[in-house]
Amino acid sequence: PDPAGRVAAPVHHPQPEPPERSTLVDDMKRGLDAP
């Protein structure tokens, strides 16, 4: 809102990019806790 109480133009706040999901193959390449 501006000082007169009017609503200003919308302001965009970029959302952070979601982290890339690890694929099963990626997990396998890094090694599993047990075979």
PDB file of all heavy atoms in Angstrom:
ATOM      1  N   PRO A   1       0.835  -1.200   0.000  1.00  0.00           N
ATOM      2  CA  PRO A   1       0.000   0.000   0.000  1.00  0.00           C
ATOM      3  C   PRO A   1       0.871   1.250   0.000  1.00  0.00           C
ATOM      4  O   PRO A   1       1.937   1.274   0.597  1.00  0.00           O
ATOM      5  CB  PRO A   1      -0.784  -0.125   1.307  1.00  0.00           C
ATOM      6  CG  PRO A   1       0.036  -1.013   2.172  1.00  0.00           C
ATOM      7  CD  PRO A   1       0.781  -1.920   1.264  1.00  0.00           C
ATOM      8  N   ASP A   2       0.412   2.352  -0.725  1.00  0.00           N
ATOM      9  CA  ASP A   2       1.144   3.616  -0.691  1.00  0.00           C
ATOM     10  C   ASP A   2       0.649   4.424   0.509  1.00  0.00           C
ATOM     11  O   ASP A   2      -0.303   4.030   1.184  1.00  0.00           O
ATOM     12  CB  ASP A   2       0.988   4.374  -2.014  1.00  0.00           C
ATOM     13  CG  ASP A   2      -0.439   4.862  -2.260  1.00  0.00           C
ATOM     14  OD1 ASP A   2      -1.254   4.784  -1.322  1.00  0.00           O
ATOM     15  OD2 ASP A   2      -0.709   5.315  -3.388  1.00  0.00           O
ATOM     16  N   PRO A   3       1.259   5.597   0.847  1.00  0.00           N
ATOM     17  CA  PRO A   3       0.877   6.363   2.033  1.00  0.00           C
ATOM     18  C   PRO A   3      -0.591   6.760   2.033  1.00  0.00           C
ATOM     19  O   PRO A   3      -1.184   6.966   3.087  1.00  0.00           O
ATOM     20  CB  PRO A   3       1.800   7.583   1.973  1.00  0.00           C
ATOM     21  CG  PRO A   3       2.984   7.111   1.211  1.00  0.00           C
ATOM     22  CD  PRO A   3       2.439   6.163   0.188  1.00  0.00           C
ATOM     23  N   ALA A   4      -1.214   6.891   0.853  1.00  0.00           N
ATOM     24  CA  ALA A   4      -2.620   7.292   0.802  1.00  0.00           C
ATOM     25  C   ALA A   4      -3.562   6.119   0.998  1.00  0.00           C
ATOM     26  O   ALA A   4      -4.772   6.268   0.962  1.00  0.00           O
ATOM     27  CB  ALA A   4      -2.906   7.981  -0.538  1.00  0.00           C
ATOM     28  N   GLY A   5      -2.995   4.965   1.170  1.00  0.00           N
ATOM     29  CA  GLY A   5      -3.830   3.799   1.403  1.00  0.00           C
ATOM     30  C   GLY A   5      -4.209   3.060   0.154  1.00  0.00           C
ATOM     31  O   GLY A   5      -4.936   2.077   0.209  1.00  0.00           O
ATOM     32  N   ARG A   6      -3.762   3.610  -0.981  1.00  0.00           N
ATOM     33  CA  ARG A   6      -4.064   2.900  -2.211  1.00  0.00           C
ATOM     34  C   ARG A   6      -3.149   1.677  -2.344  1.00  0.00           C
ATOM     35  O   ARG A   6      -2.054   1.646  -1.800  1.00  0.00           O
ATOM     36  CB  ARG A   6      -3.878   3.826  -3.420  1.00  0.00           C
ATOM     37  CG  ARG A   6      -4.835   5.023  -3.451  1.00  0.00           C
ATOM     38  CD  ARG A   6      -4.681   5.777  -4.753  1.00  0.00           C
ATOM     39  NE  ARG A   6      -3.309   6.295  -4.890  1.00  0.00           N
ATOM     40  CZ  ARG A   6      -2.951   7.518  -4.514  1.00  0.00           C
ATOM     41  NH1 ARG A   6      -3.833   8.330  -3.948  1.00  0.00           N
ATOM     42  NH2 ARG A   6      -1.708   7.937  -4.681  1.00  0.00           N
ATOM     43  N   VAL A   7      -3.599   0.753  -3.075  1.00  0.00           N
ATOM     44  CA  VAL A   7      -2.802  -0.449  -3.306  1.00  0.00           C
ATOM     45  C   VAL A   7      -1.954  -0.274  -4.536  1.00  0.00           C
ATOM     46  O   VAL A   7      -2.460   0.059  -5.623  1.00  0.00           O
ATOM     47  CB  VAL A   7      -3.707  -1.687  -3.468  1.00  0.00           C
ATOM     48  CG1 VAL A   7      -2.870  -2.917  -3.790  1.00  0.00           C
ATOM     49  CG2 VAL A   7      -4.522  -1.906  -2.214  1.00  0.00           C
ATOM     50  N   ALA A   8      -0.661  -0.392  -4.368  1.00  0.00           N
ATOM     51  CA  ALA A   8       0.255  -0.242  -5.494  1.00  0.00           C
ATOM     52  C   ALA A   8       0.223  -1.479  -6.378  1.00  0.00           C
ATOM     53  O   ALA A   8      -0.404  -2.486  -6.072  1.00  0.00           O
ATOM     54  CB  ALA A   8       1.672  -0.003  -4.972  1.00  0.00           C
ATOM     55  N   ALA A   9       0.910  -1.364  -7.461  1.00  0.00           N
ATOM     56  CA  ALA A   9       0.992  -2.494  -8.388  1.00  0.00           C
ATOM     57  C   ALA A   9       1.632  -3.692  -7.696  1.00  0.00           C
ATOM     58  O   ALA A   9       2.478  -3.553  -6.820  1.00  0.00           O
ATOM     59  CB  ALA A   9       1.808  -2.092  -9.611  1.00  0.00           C
ATOM     60  N   PRO A  10       1.191  -4.857  -8.053  1.00  0.00           N
ATOM     61  CA  PRO A  10       1.772  -6.052  -7.442  1.00  0.00           C
ATOM     62  C   PRO A  10       3.284  -6.117  -7.632  1.00  0.00           C
ATOM     63  O   PRO A  10       3.811  -5.712  -8.672  1.00  0.00           O
ATOM     64  CB  PRO A  10       1.088  -7.202  -8.190  1.00  0.00           C
ATOM     65  CG  PRO A  10      -0.173  -6.604  -8.736  1.00  0.00           C
ATOM     66  CD  PRO A  10       0.161  -5.167  -9.043  1.00  0.00           C
ATOM     67  N   VAL A  11       3.960  -6.563  -6.602  1.00  0.00           N
ATOM     68  CA  VAL A  11       5.414  -6.732  -6.651  1.00  0.00           C
ATOM     69  C   VAL A  11       5.714  -8.219  -6.630  1.00  0.00           C
ATOM     70  O   VAL A  11       5.263  -8.924  -5.721  1.00  0.00           O
ATOM     71  CB  VAL A  11       6.096  -6.037  -5.457  1.00  0.00           C
ATOM     72  CG1 VAL A  11       7.607  -6.284  -5.513  1.00  0.00           C
ATOM     73  CG2 VAL A  11       5.782  -4.558  -5.460  1.00  0.00           C
ATOM     74  N   HIS A  12       6.453  -8.683  -7.595  1.00  0.00           N
ATOM     75  CA  HIS A  12       6.797 -10.107  -7.675  1.00  0.00           C
ATOM     76  C   HIS A  12       8.033 -10.404  -6.837  1.00  0.00           C
ATOM     77  O   HIS A  12       9.039  -9.702  -6.943  1.00  0.00           O
ATOM     78  CB  HIS A  12       7.057 -10.510  -9.138  1.00  0.00           C
ATOM     79  CG  HIS A  12       5.815 -10.590  -9.957  1.00  0.00           C
ATOM     80  ND1 HIS A  12       5.166 -11.774 -10.227  1.00  0.00           N
ATOM     81  CD2 HIS A  12       5.096  -9.616 -10.569  1.00  0.00           C
ATOM     82  CE1 HIS A  12       4.106 -11.527 -10.981  1.00  0.00           C
ATOM     83  NE2 HIS A  12       4.035 -10.214 -11.195  1.00  0.00           N
ATOM     84  N   HIS A  13       7.941 -11.423  -5.978  1.00  0.00           N
ATOM     85  CA  HIS A  13       9.101 -11.911  -5.230  1.00  0.00           C
ATOM     86  C   HIS A  13       9.442 -13.302  -5.772  1.00  0.00           C
ATOM     87  O   HIS A  13       8.715 -14.263  -5.499  1.00  0.00           O
ATOM     88  CB  HIS A  13       8.801 -11.999  -3.732  1.00  0.00           C
ATOM     89  CG  HIS A  13       8.518 -10.661  -3.113  1.00  0.00           C
ATOM     90  ND1 HIS A  13       9.458  -9.679  -3.012  1.00  0.00           N
ATOM     91  CD2 HIS A  13       7.369 -10.152  -2.587  1.00  0.00           C
ATOM     92  CE1 HIS A  13       8.931  -8.612  -2.433  1.00  0.00           C
ATOM     93  NE2 HIS A  13       7.650  -8.872  -2.166  1.00  0.00           N
ATOM     94  N   PRO A  14      10.469 -13.415  -6.567  1.00  0.00           N
ATOM     95  CA  PRO A  14      10.780 -14.724  -7.185  1.00  0.00           C
ATOM     96  C   PRO A  14      10.959 -15.813  -6.127  1.00  0.00           C
ATOM     97  O   PRO A  14      11.590 -15.592  -5.100  1.00  0.00           O
ATOM     98  CB  PRO A  14      12.093 -14.451  -7.930  1.00  0.00           C
ATOM     99  CG  PRO A  14      12.141 -12.969  -8.102  1.00  0.00           C
ATOM    100  CD  PRO A  14      11.434 -12.383  -6.911  1.00  0.00           C
ATOM    101  N   GLN A  15      10.350 -16.926  -6.388  1.00  0.00           N
ATOM    102  CA  GLN A  15      10.498 -18.078  -5.504  1.00  0.00           C
ATOM    103  C   GLN A  15      11.801 -18.799  -5.837  1.00  0.00           C
ATOM    104  O   GLN A  15      12.189 -18.897  -7.005  1.00  0.00           O
ATOM    105  CB  GLN A  15       9.321 -19.051  -5.691  1.00  0.00           C
ATOM    106  CG  GLN A  15       7.978 -18.450  -5.318  1.00  0.00           C
ATOM    107  CD  GLN A  15       7.887 -18.224  -3.829  1.00  0.00           C
ATOM    108  OE1 GLN A  15       8.122 -19.134  -3.037  1.00  0.00           O
ATOM    109  NE2 GLN A  15       7.566 -17.004  -3.442  1.00  0.00           N
ATOM    110  N   PRO A  16      12.490 -19.294  -4.828  1.00  0.00           N
ATOM    111  CA  PRO A  16      13.719 -20.044  -5.127  1.00  0.00           C
ATOM    112  C   PRO A  16      13.412 -21.302  -5.930  1.00  0.00           C
ATOM    113  O   PRO A  16      12.357 -21.926  -5.757  1.00  0.00           O
ATOM    114  CB  PRO A  16      14.258 -20.415  -3.729  1.00  0.00           C
ATOM    115  CG  PRO A  16      13.068 -20.344  -2.833  1.00  0.00           C
ATOM    116  CD  PRO A  16      12.184 -19.264  -3.391  1.00  0.00           C
ATOM    117  N   GLU A  17      14.321 -21.631  -6.831  1.00  0.00           N
ATOM    118  CA  GLU A  17      14.147 -22.840  -7.631  1.00  0.00           C
ATOM    119  C   GLU A  17      14.179 -24.061  -6.723  1.00  0.00           C
ATOM    120  O   GLU A  17      15.048 -24.178  -5.859  1.00  0.00           O
ATOM    121  CB  GLU A  17      15.259 -22.957  -8.678  1.00  0.00           C
ATOM    122  CG  GLU A  17      15.180 -21.931  -9.793  1.00  0.00           C
ATOM    123  CD  GLU A  17      13.995 -22.187 -10.704  1.00  0.00           C
ATOM    124  OE1 GLU A  17      13.596 -23.373 -10.840  1.00  0.00           O
ATOM    125  OE2 GLU A  17      13.463 -21.209 -11.258  1.00  0.00           O
ATOM    126  N   PRO A  18      13.214 -24.970  -6.871  1.00  0.00           N
ATOM    127  CA  PRO A  18      13.258 -26.185  -6.047  1.00  0.00           C
ATOM    128  C   PRO A  18      14.501 -26.993  -6.386  1.00  0.00           C
ATOM    129  O   PRO A  18      14.937 -27.017  -7.542  1.00  0.00           O
ATOM    130  CB  PRO A  18      11.977 -26.935  -6.452  1.00  0.00           C
ATOM    131  CG  PRO A  18      11.645 -26.416  -7.815  1.00  0.00           C
ATOM    132  CD  PRO A  18      12.108 -24.984  -7.829  1.00  0.00           C
ATOM    133  N   PRO A  19      15.094 -27.614  -5.404  1.00  0.00           N
ATOM    134  CA  PRO A  19      16.289 -28.412  -5.695  1.00  0.00           C
ATOM    135  C   PRO A  19      15.952 -29.561  -6.633  1.00  0.00           C
ATOM    136  O   PRO A  19      14.852 -30.109  -6.593  1.00  0.00           O
ATOM    137  CB  PRO A  19      16.700 -28.943  -4.303  1.00  0.00           C
ATOM    138  CG  PRO A  19      15.453 -28.879  -3.487  1.00  0.00           C
ATOM    139  CD  PRO A  19      14.673 -27.703  -3.991  1.00  0.00           C
ATOM    140  N   GLU A  20      16.912 -29.869  -7.497  1.00  0.00           N
ATOM    141  CA  GLU A  20      16.690 -30.973  -8.422  1.00  0.00           C
ATOM    142  C   GLU A  20      16.563 -32.274  -7.652  1.00  0.00           C
ATOM    143  O   GLU A  20      17.337 -32.561  -6.744  1.00  0.00           O
ATOM    144  CB  GLU A  20      17.852 -31.080  -9.412  1.00  0.00           C
ATOM    145  CG  GLU A  20      17.924 -29.924 -10.397  1.00  0.00           C
ATOM    146  CD  GLU A  20      18.963 -30.178 -11.467  1.00  0.00           C
ATOM    147  OE1 GLU A  20      19.490 -31.321 -11.517  1.00  0.00           O
ATOM    148  OE2 GLU A  20      19.255 -29.260 -12.240  1.00  0.00           O
ATOM    149  N   ARG A  21      15.562 -33.023  -8.038  1.00  0.00           N
ATOM    150  CA  ARG A  21      15.354 -34.302  -7.374  1.00  0.00           C
ATOM    151  C   ARG A  21      16.388 -35.313  -7.844  1.00  0.00           C
ATOM    152  O   ARG A  21      16.660 -35.441  -9.029  1.00  0.00           O
ATOM    153  CB  ARG A  21      13.938 -34.823  -7.645  1.00  0.00           C
ATOM    154  CG  ARG A  21      12.850 -34.005  -6.958  1.00  0.00           C
ATOM    155  CD  ARG A  21      11.503 -34.678  -7.133  1.00  0.00           C
ATOM    156  NE  ARG A  21      10.453 -33.963  -6.418  1.00  0.00           N
ATOM    157  CZ  ARG A  21       9.181 -34.346  -6.387  1.00  0.00           C
ATOM    158  NH1 ARG A  21       8.813 -35.442  -7.044  1.00  0.00           N
ATOM    159  NH2 ARG A  21       8.293 -33.647  -5.713  1.00  0.00           N
ATOM    160  N   SER A  22      16.924 -36.016  -6.892  1.00  0.00           N
ATOM    161  CA  SER A  22      17.903 -37.046  -7.224  1.00  0.00           C
ATOM    162  C   SER A  22      17.181 -38.255  -7.783  1.00  0.00           C
ATOM    163  O   SER A  22      16.191 -38.715  -7.216  1.00  0.00           O
ATOM    164  CB  SER A  22      18.688 -37.426  -5.965  1.00  0.00           C
ATOM    165  OG  SER A  22      19.557 -38.487  -6.228  1.00  0.00           O
ATOM    166  N   THR A  23      17.644 -38.751  -8.916  1.00  0.00           N
ATOM    167  CA  THR A  23      17.043 -39.952  -9.489  1.00  0.00           C
ATOM    168  C   THR A  23      17.622 -41.187  -8.824  1.00  0.00           C
ATOM    169  O   THR A  23      18.653 -41.140  -8.154  1.00  0.00           O
ATOM    170  CB  THR A  23      17.307 -40.024 -10.997  1.00  0.00           C
ATOM    171  OG1 THR A  23      18.724 -40.222 -11.207  1.00  0.00           O
ATOM    172  CG2 THR A  23      16.872 -38.746 -11.697  1.00  0.00           C
ATOM    173  N   LEU A  24      16.935 -42.305  -9.012  1.00  0.00           N
ATOM    174  CA  LEU A  24      17.420 -43.557  -8.453  1.00  0.00           C
ATOM    175  C   LEU A  24      18.794 -43.901  -9.005  1.00  0.00           C
ATOM    176  O   LEU A  24      19.677 -44.368  -8.271  1.00  0.00           O
ATOM    177  CB  LEU A  24      16.423 -44.681  -8.761  1.00  0.00           C
ATOM    178  CG  LEU A  24      16.794 -46.081  -8.267  1.00  0.00           C
ATOM    179  CD1 LEU A  24      16.968 -46.089  -6.749  1.00  0.00           C
ATOM    180  CD2 LEU A  24      15.750 -47.107  -8.704  1.00  0.00           C
ATOM    181  N   VAL A  25      19.009 -43.642 -10.297  1.00  0.00           N
ATOM    182  CA  VAL A  25      20.305 -43.930 -10.899  1.00  0.00           C
ATOM    183  C   VAL A  25      21.391 -43.061 -10.264  1.00  0.00           C
ATOM    184  O   VAL A  25      22.501 -43.529  -9.986  1.00  0.00           O
ATOM    185  CB  VAL A  25      20.251 -43.727 -12.427  1.00  0.00           C
ATOM    186  CG1 VAL A  25      21.651 -43.798 -13.032  1.00  0.00           C
ATOM    187  CG2 VAL A  25      19.353 -44.772 -13.067  1.00  0.00           C
ATOM    188  N   ASP A  26      21.070 -41.783 -10.004  1.00  0.00           N
ATOM    189  CA  ASP A  26      22.039 -40.906  -9.344  1.00  0.00           C
ATOM    190  C   ASP A  26      22.404 -41.448  -7.969  1.00  0.00           C
ATOM    191  O   ASP A  26      23.581 -41.446  -7.577  1.00  0.00           O
ATOM    192  CB  ASP A  26      21.469 -39.494  -9.202  1.00  0.00           C
ATOM    193  CG  ASP A  26      21.356 -38.771 -10.541  1.00  0.00           C
ATOM    194  OD1 ASP A  26      22.126 -39.118 -11.458  1.00  0.00           O
ATOM    195  OD2 ASP A  26      20.494 -37.882 -10.656  1.00  0.00           O
ATOM    196  N   ASP A  27      21.391 -41.884  -7.229  1.00  0.00           N
ATOM    197  CA  ASP A  27      21.640 -42.447  -5.896  1.00  0.00           C
ATOM    198  C   ASP A  27      22.533 -43.682  -5.996  1.00  0.00           C
ATOM    199  O   ASP A  27      23.428 -43.884  -5.172  1.00  0.00           O
ATOM    200  CB  ASP A  27      20.325 -42.810  -5.213  1.00  0.00           C
ATOM    201  CG  ASP A  27      19.512 -41.583  -4.817  1.00  0.00           C
ATOM    202  OD1 ASP A  27      20.112 -40.495  -4.718  1.00  0.00           O
ATOM    203  OD2 ASP A  27      18.294 -41.724  -4.616  1.00  0.00           O
ATOM    204  N   MET A  28      22.291 -44.501  -6.985  1.00  0.00           N
ATOM    205  CA  MET A  28      23.085 -45.713  -7.153  1.00  0.00           C
ATOM    206  C   MET A  28      24.528 -45.377  -7.488  1.00  0.00           C
ATOM    207  O   MET A  28      25.459 -46.018  -6.999  1.00  0.00           O
ATOM    208  CB  MET A  28      22.471 -46.593  -8.239  1.00  0.00           C
ATOM    209  CG  MET A  28      21.179 -47.276  -7.831  1.00  0.00           C
ATOM    210  SD  MET A  28      20.547 -48.348  -9.139  1.00  0.00           S
ATOM    211  CE  MET A  28      19.180 -49.144  -8.300  1.00  0.00           C
ATOM    212  N   LYS A  29      24.728 -44.375  -8.334  1.00  0.00           N
ATOM    213  CA  LYS A  29      26.090 -44.003  -8.695  1.00  0.00           C
ATOM    214  C   LYS A  29      26.889 -43.530  -7.482  1.00  0.00           C
ATOM    215  O   LYS A  29      28.102 -43.736  -7.402  1.00  0.00           O
ATOM    216  CB  LYS A  29      26.067 -42.904  -9.763  1.00  0.00           C
ATOM    217  CG  LYS A  29      25.658 -43.385 -11.145  1.00  0.00           C
ATOM    218  CD  LYS A  29      25.702 -42.246 -12.145  1.00  0.00           C
ATOM    219  CE  LYS A  29      25.346 -42.722 -13.543  1.00  0.00           C
ATOM    220  NZ  LYS A  29      25.377 -41.599 -14.528  1.00  0.00           N
ATOM    221  N   ARG A  30      26.194 -42.864  -6.552  1.00  0.00           N
ATOM    222  CA  ARG A  30      26.874 -42.374  -5.352  1.00  0.00           C
ATOM    223  C   ARG A  30      27.050 -43.462  -4.298  1.00  0.00           C
ATOM    224  O   ARG A  30      27.733 -43.249  -3.300  1.00  0.00           O
ATOM    225  CB  ARG A  30      26.088 -41.198  -4.766  1.00  0.00           C
ATOM    226  CG  ARG A  30      26.166 -39.924  -5.597  1.00  0.00           C
ATOM    227  CD  ARG A  30      25.598 -38.745  -4.822  1.00  0.00           C
ATOM    228  NE  ARG A  30      24.161 -38.881  -4.622  1.00  0.00           N
ATOM    229  CZ  ARG A  30      23.233 -38.358  -5.433  1.00  0.00           C
ATOM    230  NH1 ARG A  30      23.604 -37.688  -6.506  1.00  0.00           N
ATOM    231  NH2 ARG A  30      21.956 -38.504  -5.179  1.00  0.00           N
ATOM    232  N   GLY A  31      26.440 -44.616  -4.525  1.00  0.00           N
ATOM    233  CA  GLY A  31      26.546 -45.709  -3.572  1.00  0.00           C
ATOM    234  C   GLY A  31      25.430 -45.674  -2.552  1.00  0.00           C
ATOM    235  O   GLY A  31      25.012 -44.609  -2.097  1.00  0.00           O
ATOM    236  N   LEU A  32      24.929 -46.841  -2.197  1.00  0.00           N
ATOM    237  CA  LEU A  32      23.857 -46.966  -1.220  1.00  0.00           C
ATOM    238  C   LEU A  32      24.429 -47.354   0.137  1.00  0.00           C
ATOM    239  O   LEU A  32      25.558 -47.834   0.245  1.00  0.00           O
ATOM    240  CB  LEU A  32      22.853 -48.020  -1.692  1.00  0.00           C
ATOM    241  CG  LEU A  32      22.242 -47.791  -3.089  1.00  0.00           C
ATOM    242  CD1 LEU A  32      21.275 -48.913  -3.423  1.00  0.00           C
ATOM    243  CD2 LEU A  32      21.556 -46.436  -3.174  1.00  0.00           C
ATOM    244  N   ASP A  33      23.642 -47.164   1.199  1.00  0.00           N
ATOM    245  CA  ASP A  33      24.091 -47.505   2.548  1.00  0.00           C
ATOM    246  C   ASP A  33      24.362 -49.003   2.702  1.00  0.00           C
ATOM    247  O   ASP A  33      25.133 -49.422   3.555  1.00  0.00           O
ATOM    248  CB  ASP A  33      23.055 -47.072   3.585  1.00  0.00           C
ATOM    249  CG  ASP A  33      23.051 -45.564   3.804  1.00  0.00           C
ATOM    250  OD1 ASP A  33      24.051 -44.920   3.430  1.00  0.00           O
ATOM    251  OD2 ASP A  33      22.058 -45.041   4.337  1.00  0.00           O
ATOM    252  N   ALA A  34      23.703 -49.785   1.879  1.00  0.00           N
ATOM    253  CA  ALA A  34      23.920 -51.235   1.868  1.00  0.00           C
ATOM    254  C   ALA A  34      23.720 -51.716   0.440  1.00  0.00           C
ATOM    255  O   ALA A  34      22.963 -51.103  -0.322  1.00  0.00           O
ATOM    256  CB  ALA A  34      22.943 -51.940   2.808  1.00  0.00           C
ATOM    257  N   PRO A  35      24.389 -52.765   0.036  1.00  0.00           N
ATOM    258  CA  PRO A  35      24.193 -53.260  -1.326  1.00  0.00           C
ATOM    259  C   PRO A  35      22.780 -53.773  -1.530  1.00  0.00           C
ATOM    260  O   PRO A  35      22.158 -54.313  -0.609  1.00  0.00           O
ATOM    261  CB  PRO A  35      25.223 -54.396  -1.444  1.00  0.00           C
ATOM    262  CG  PRO A  35      25.514 -54.807  -0.039  1.00  0.00           C
ATOM    263  CD  PRO A  35      25.368 -53.576   0.791  1.00  0.00           C
TER     264      PRO A  35
END
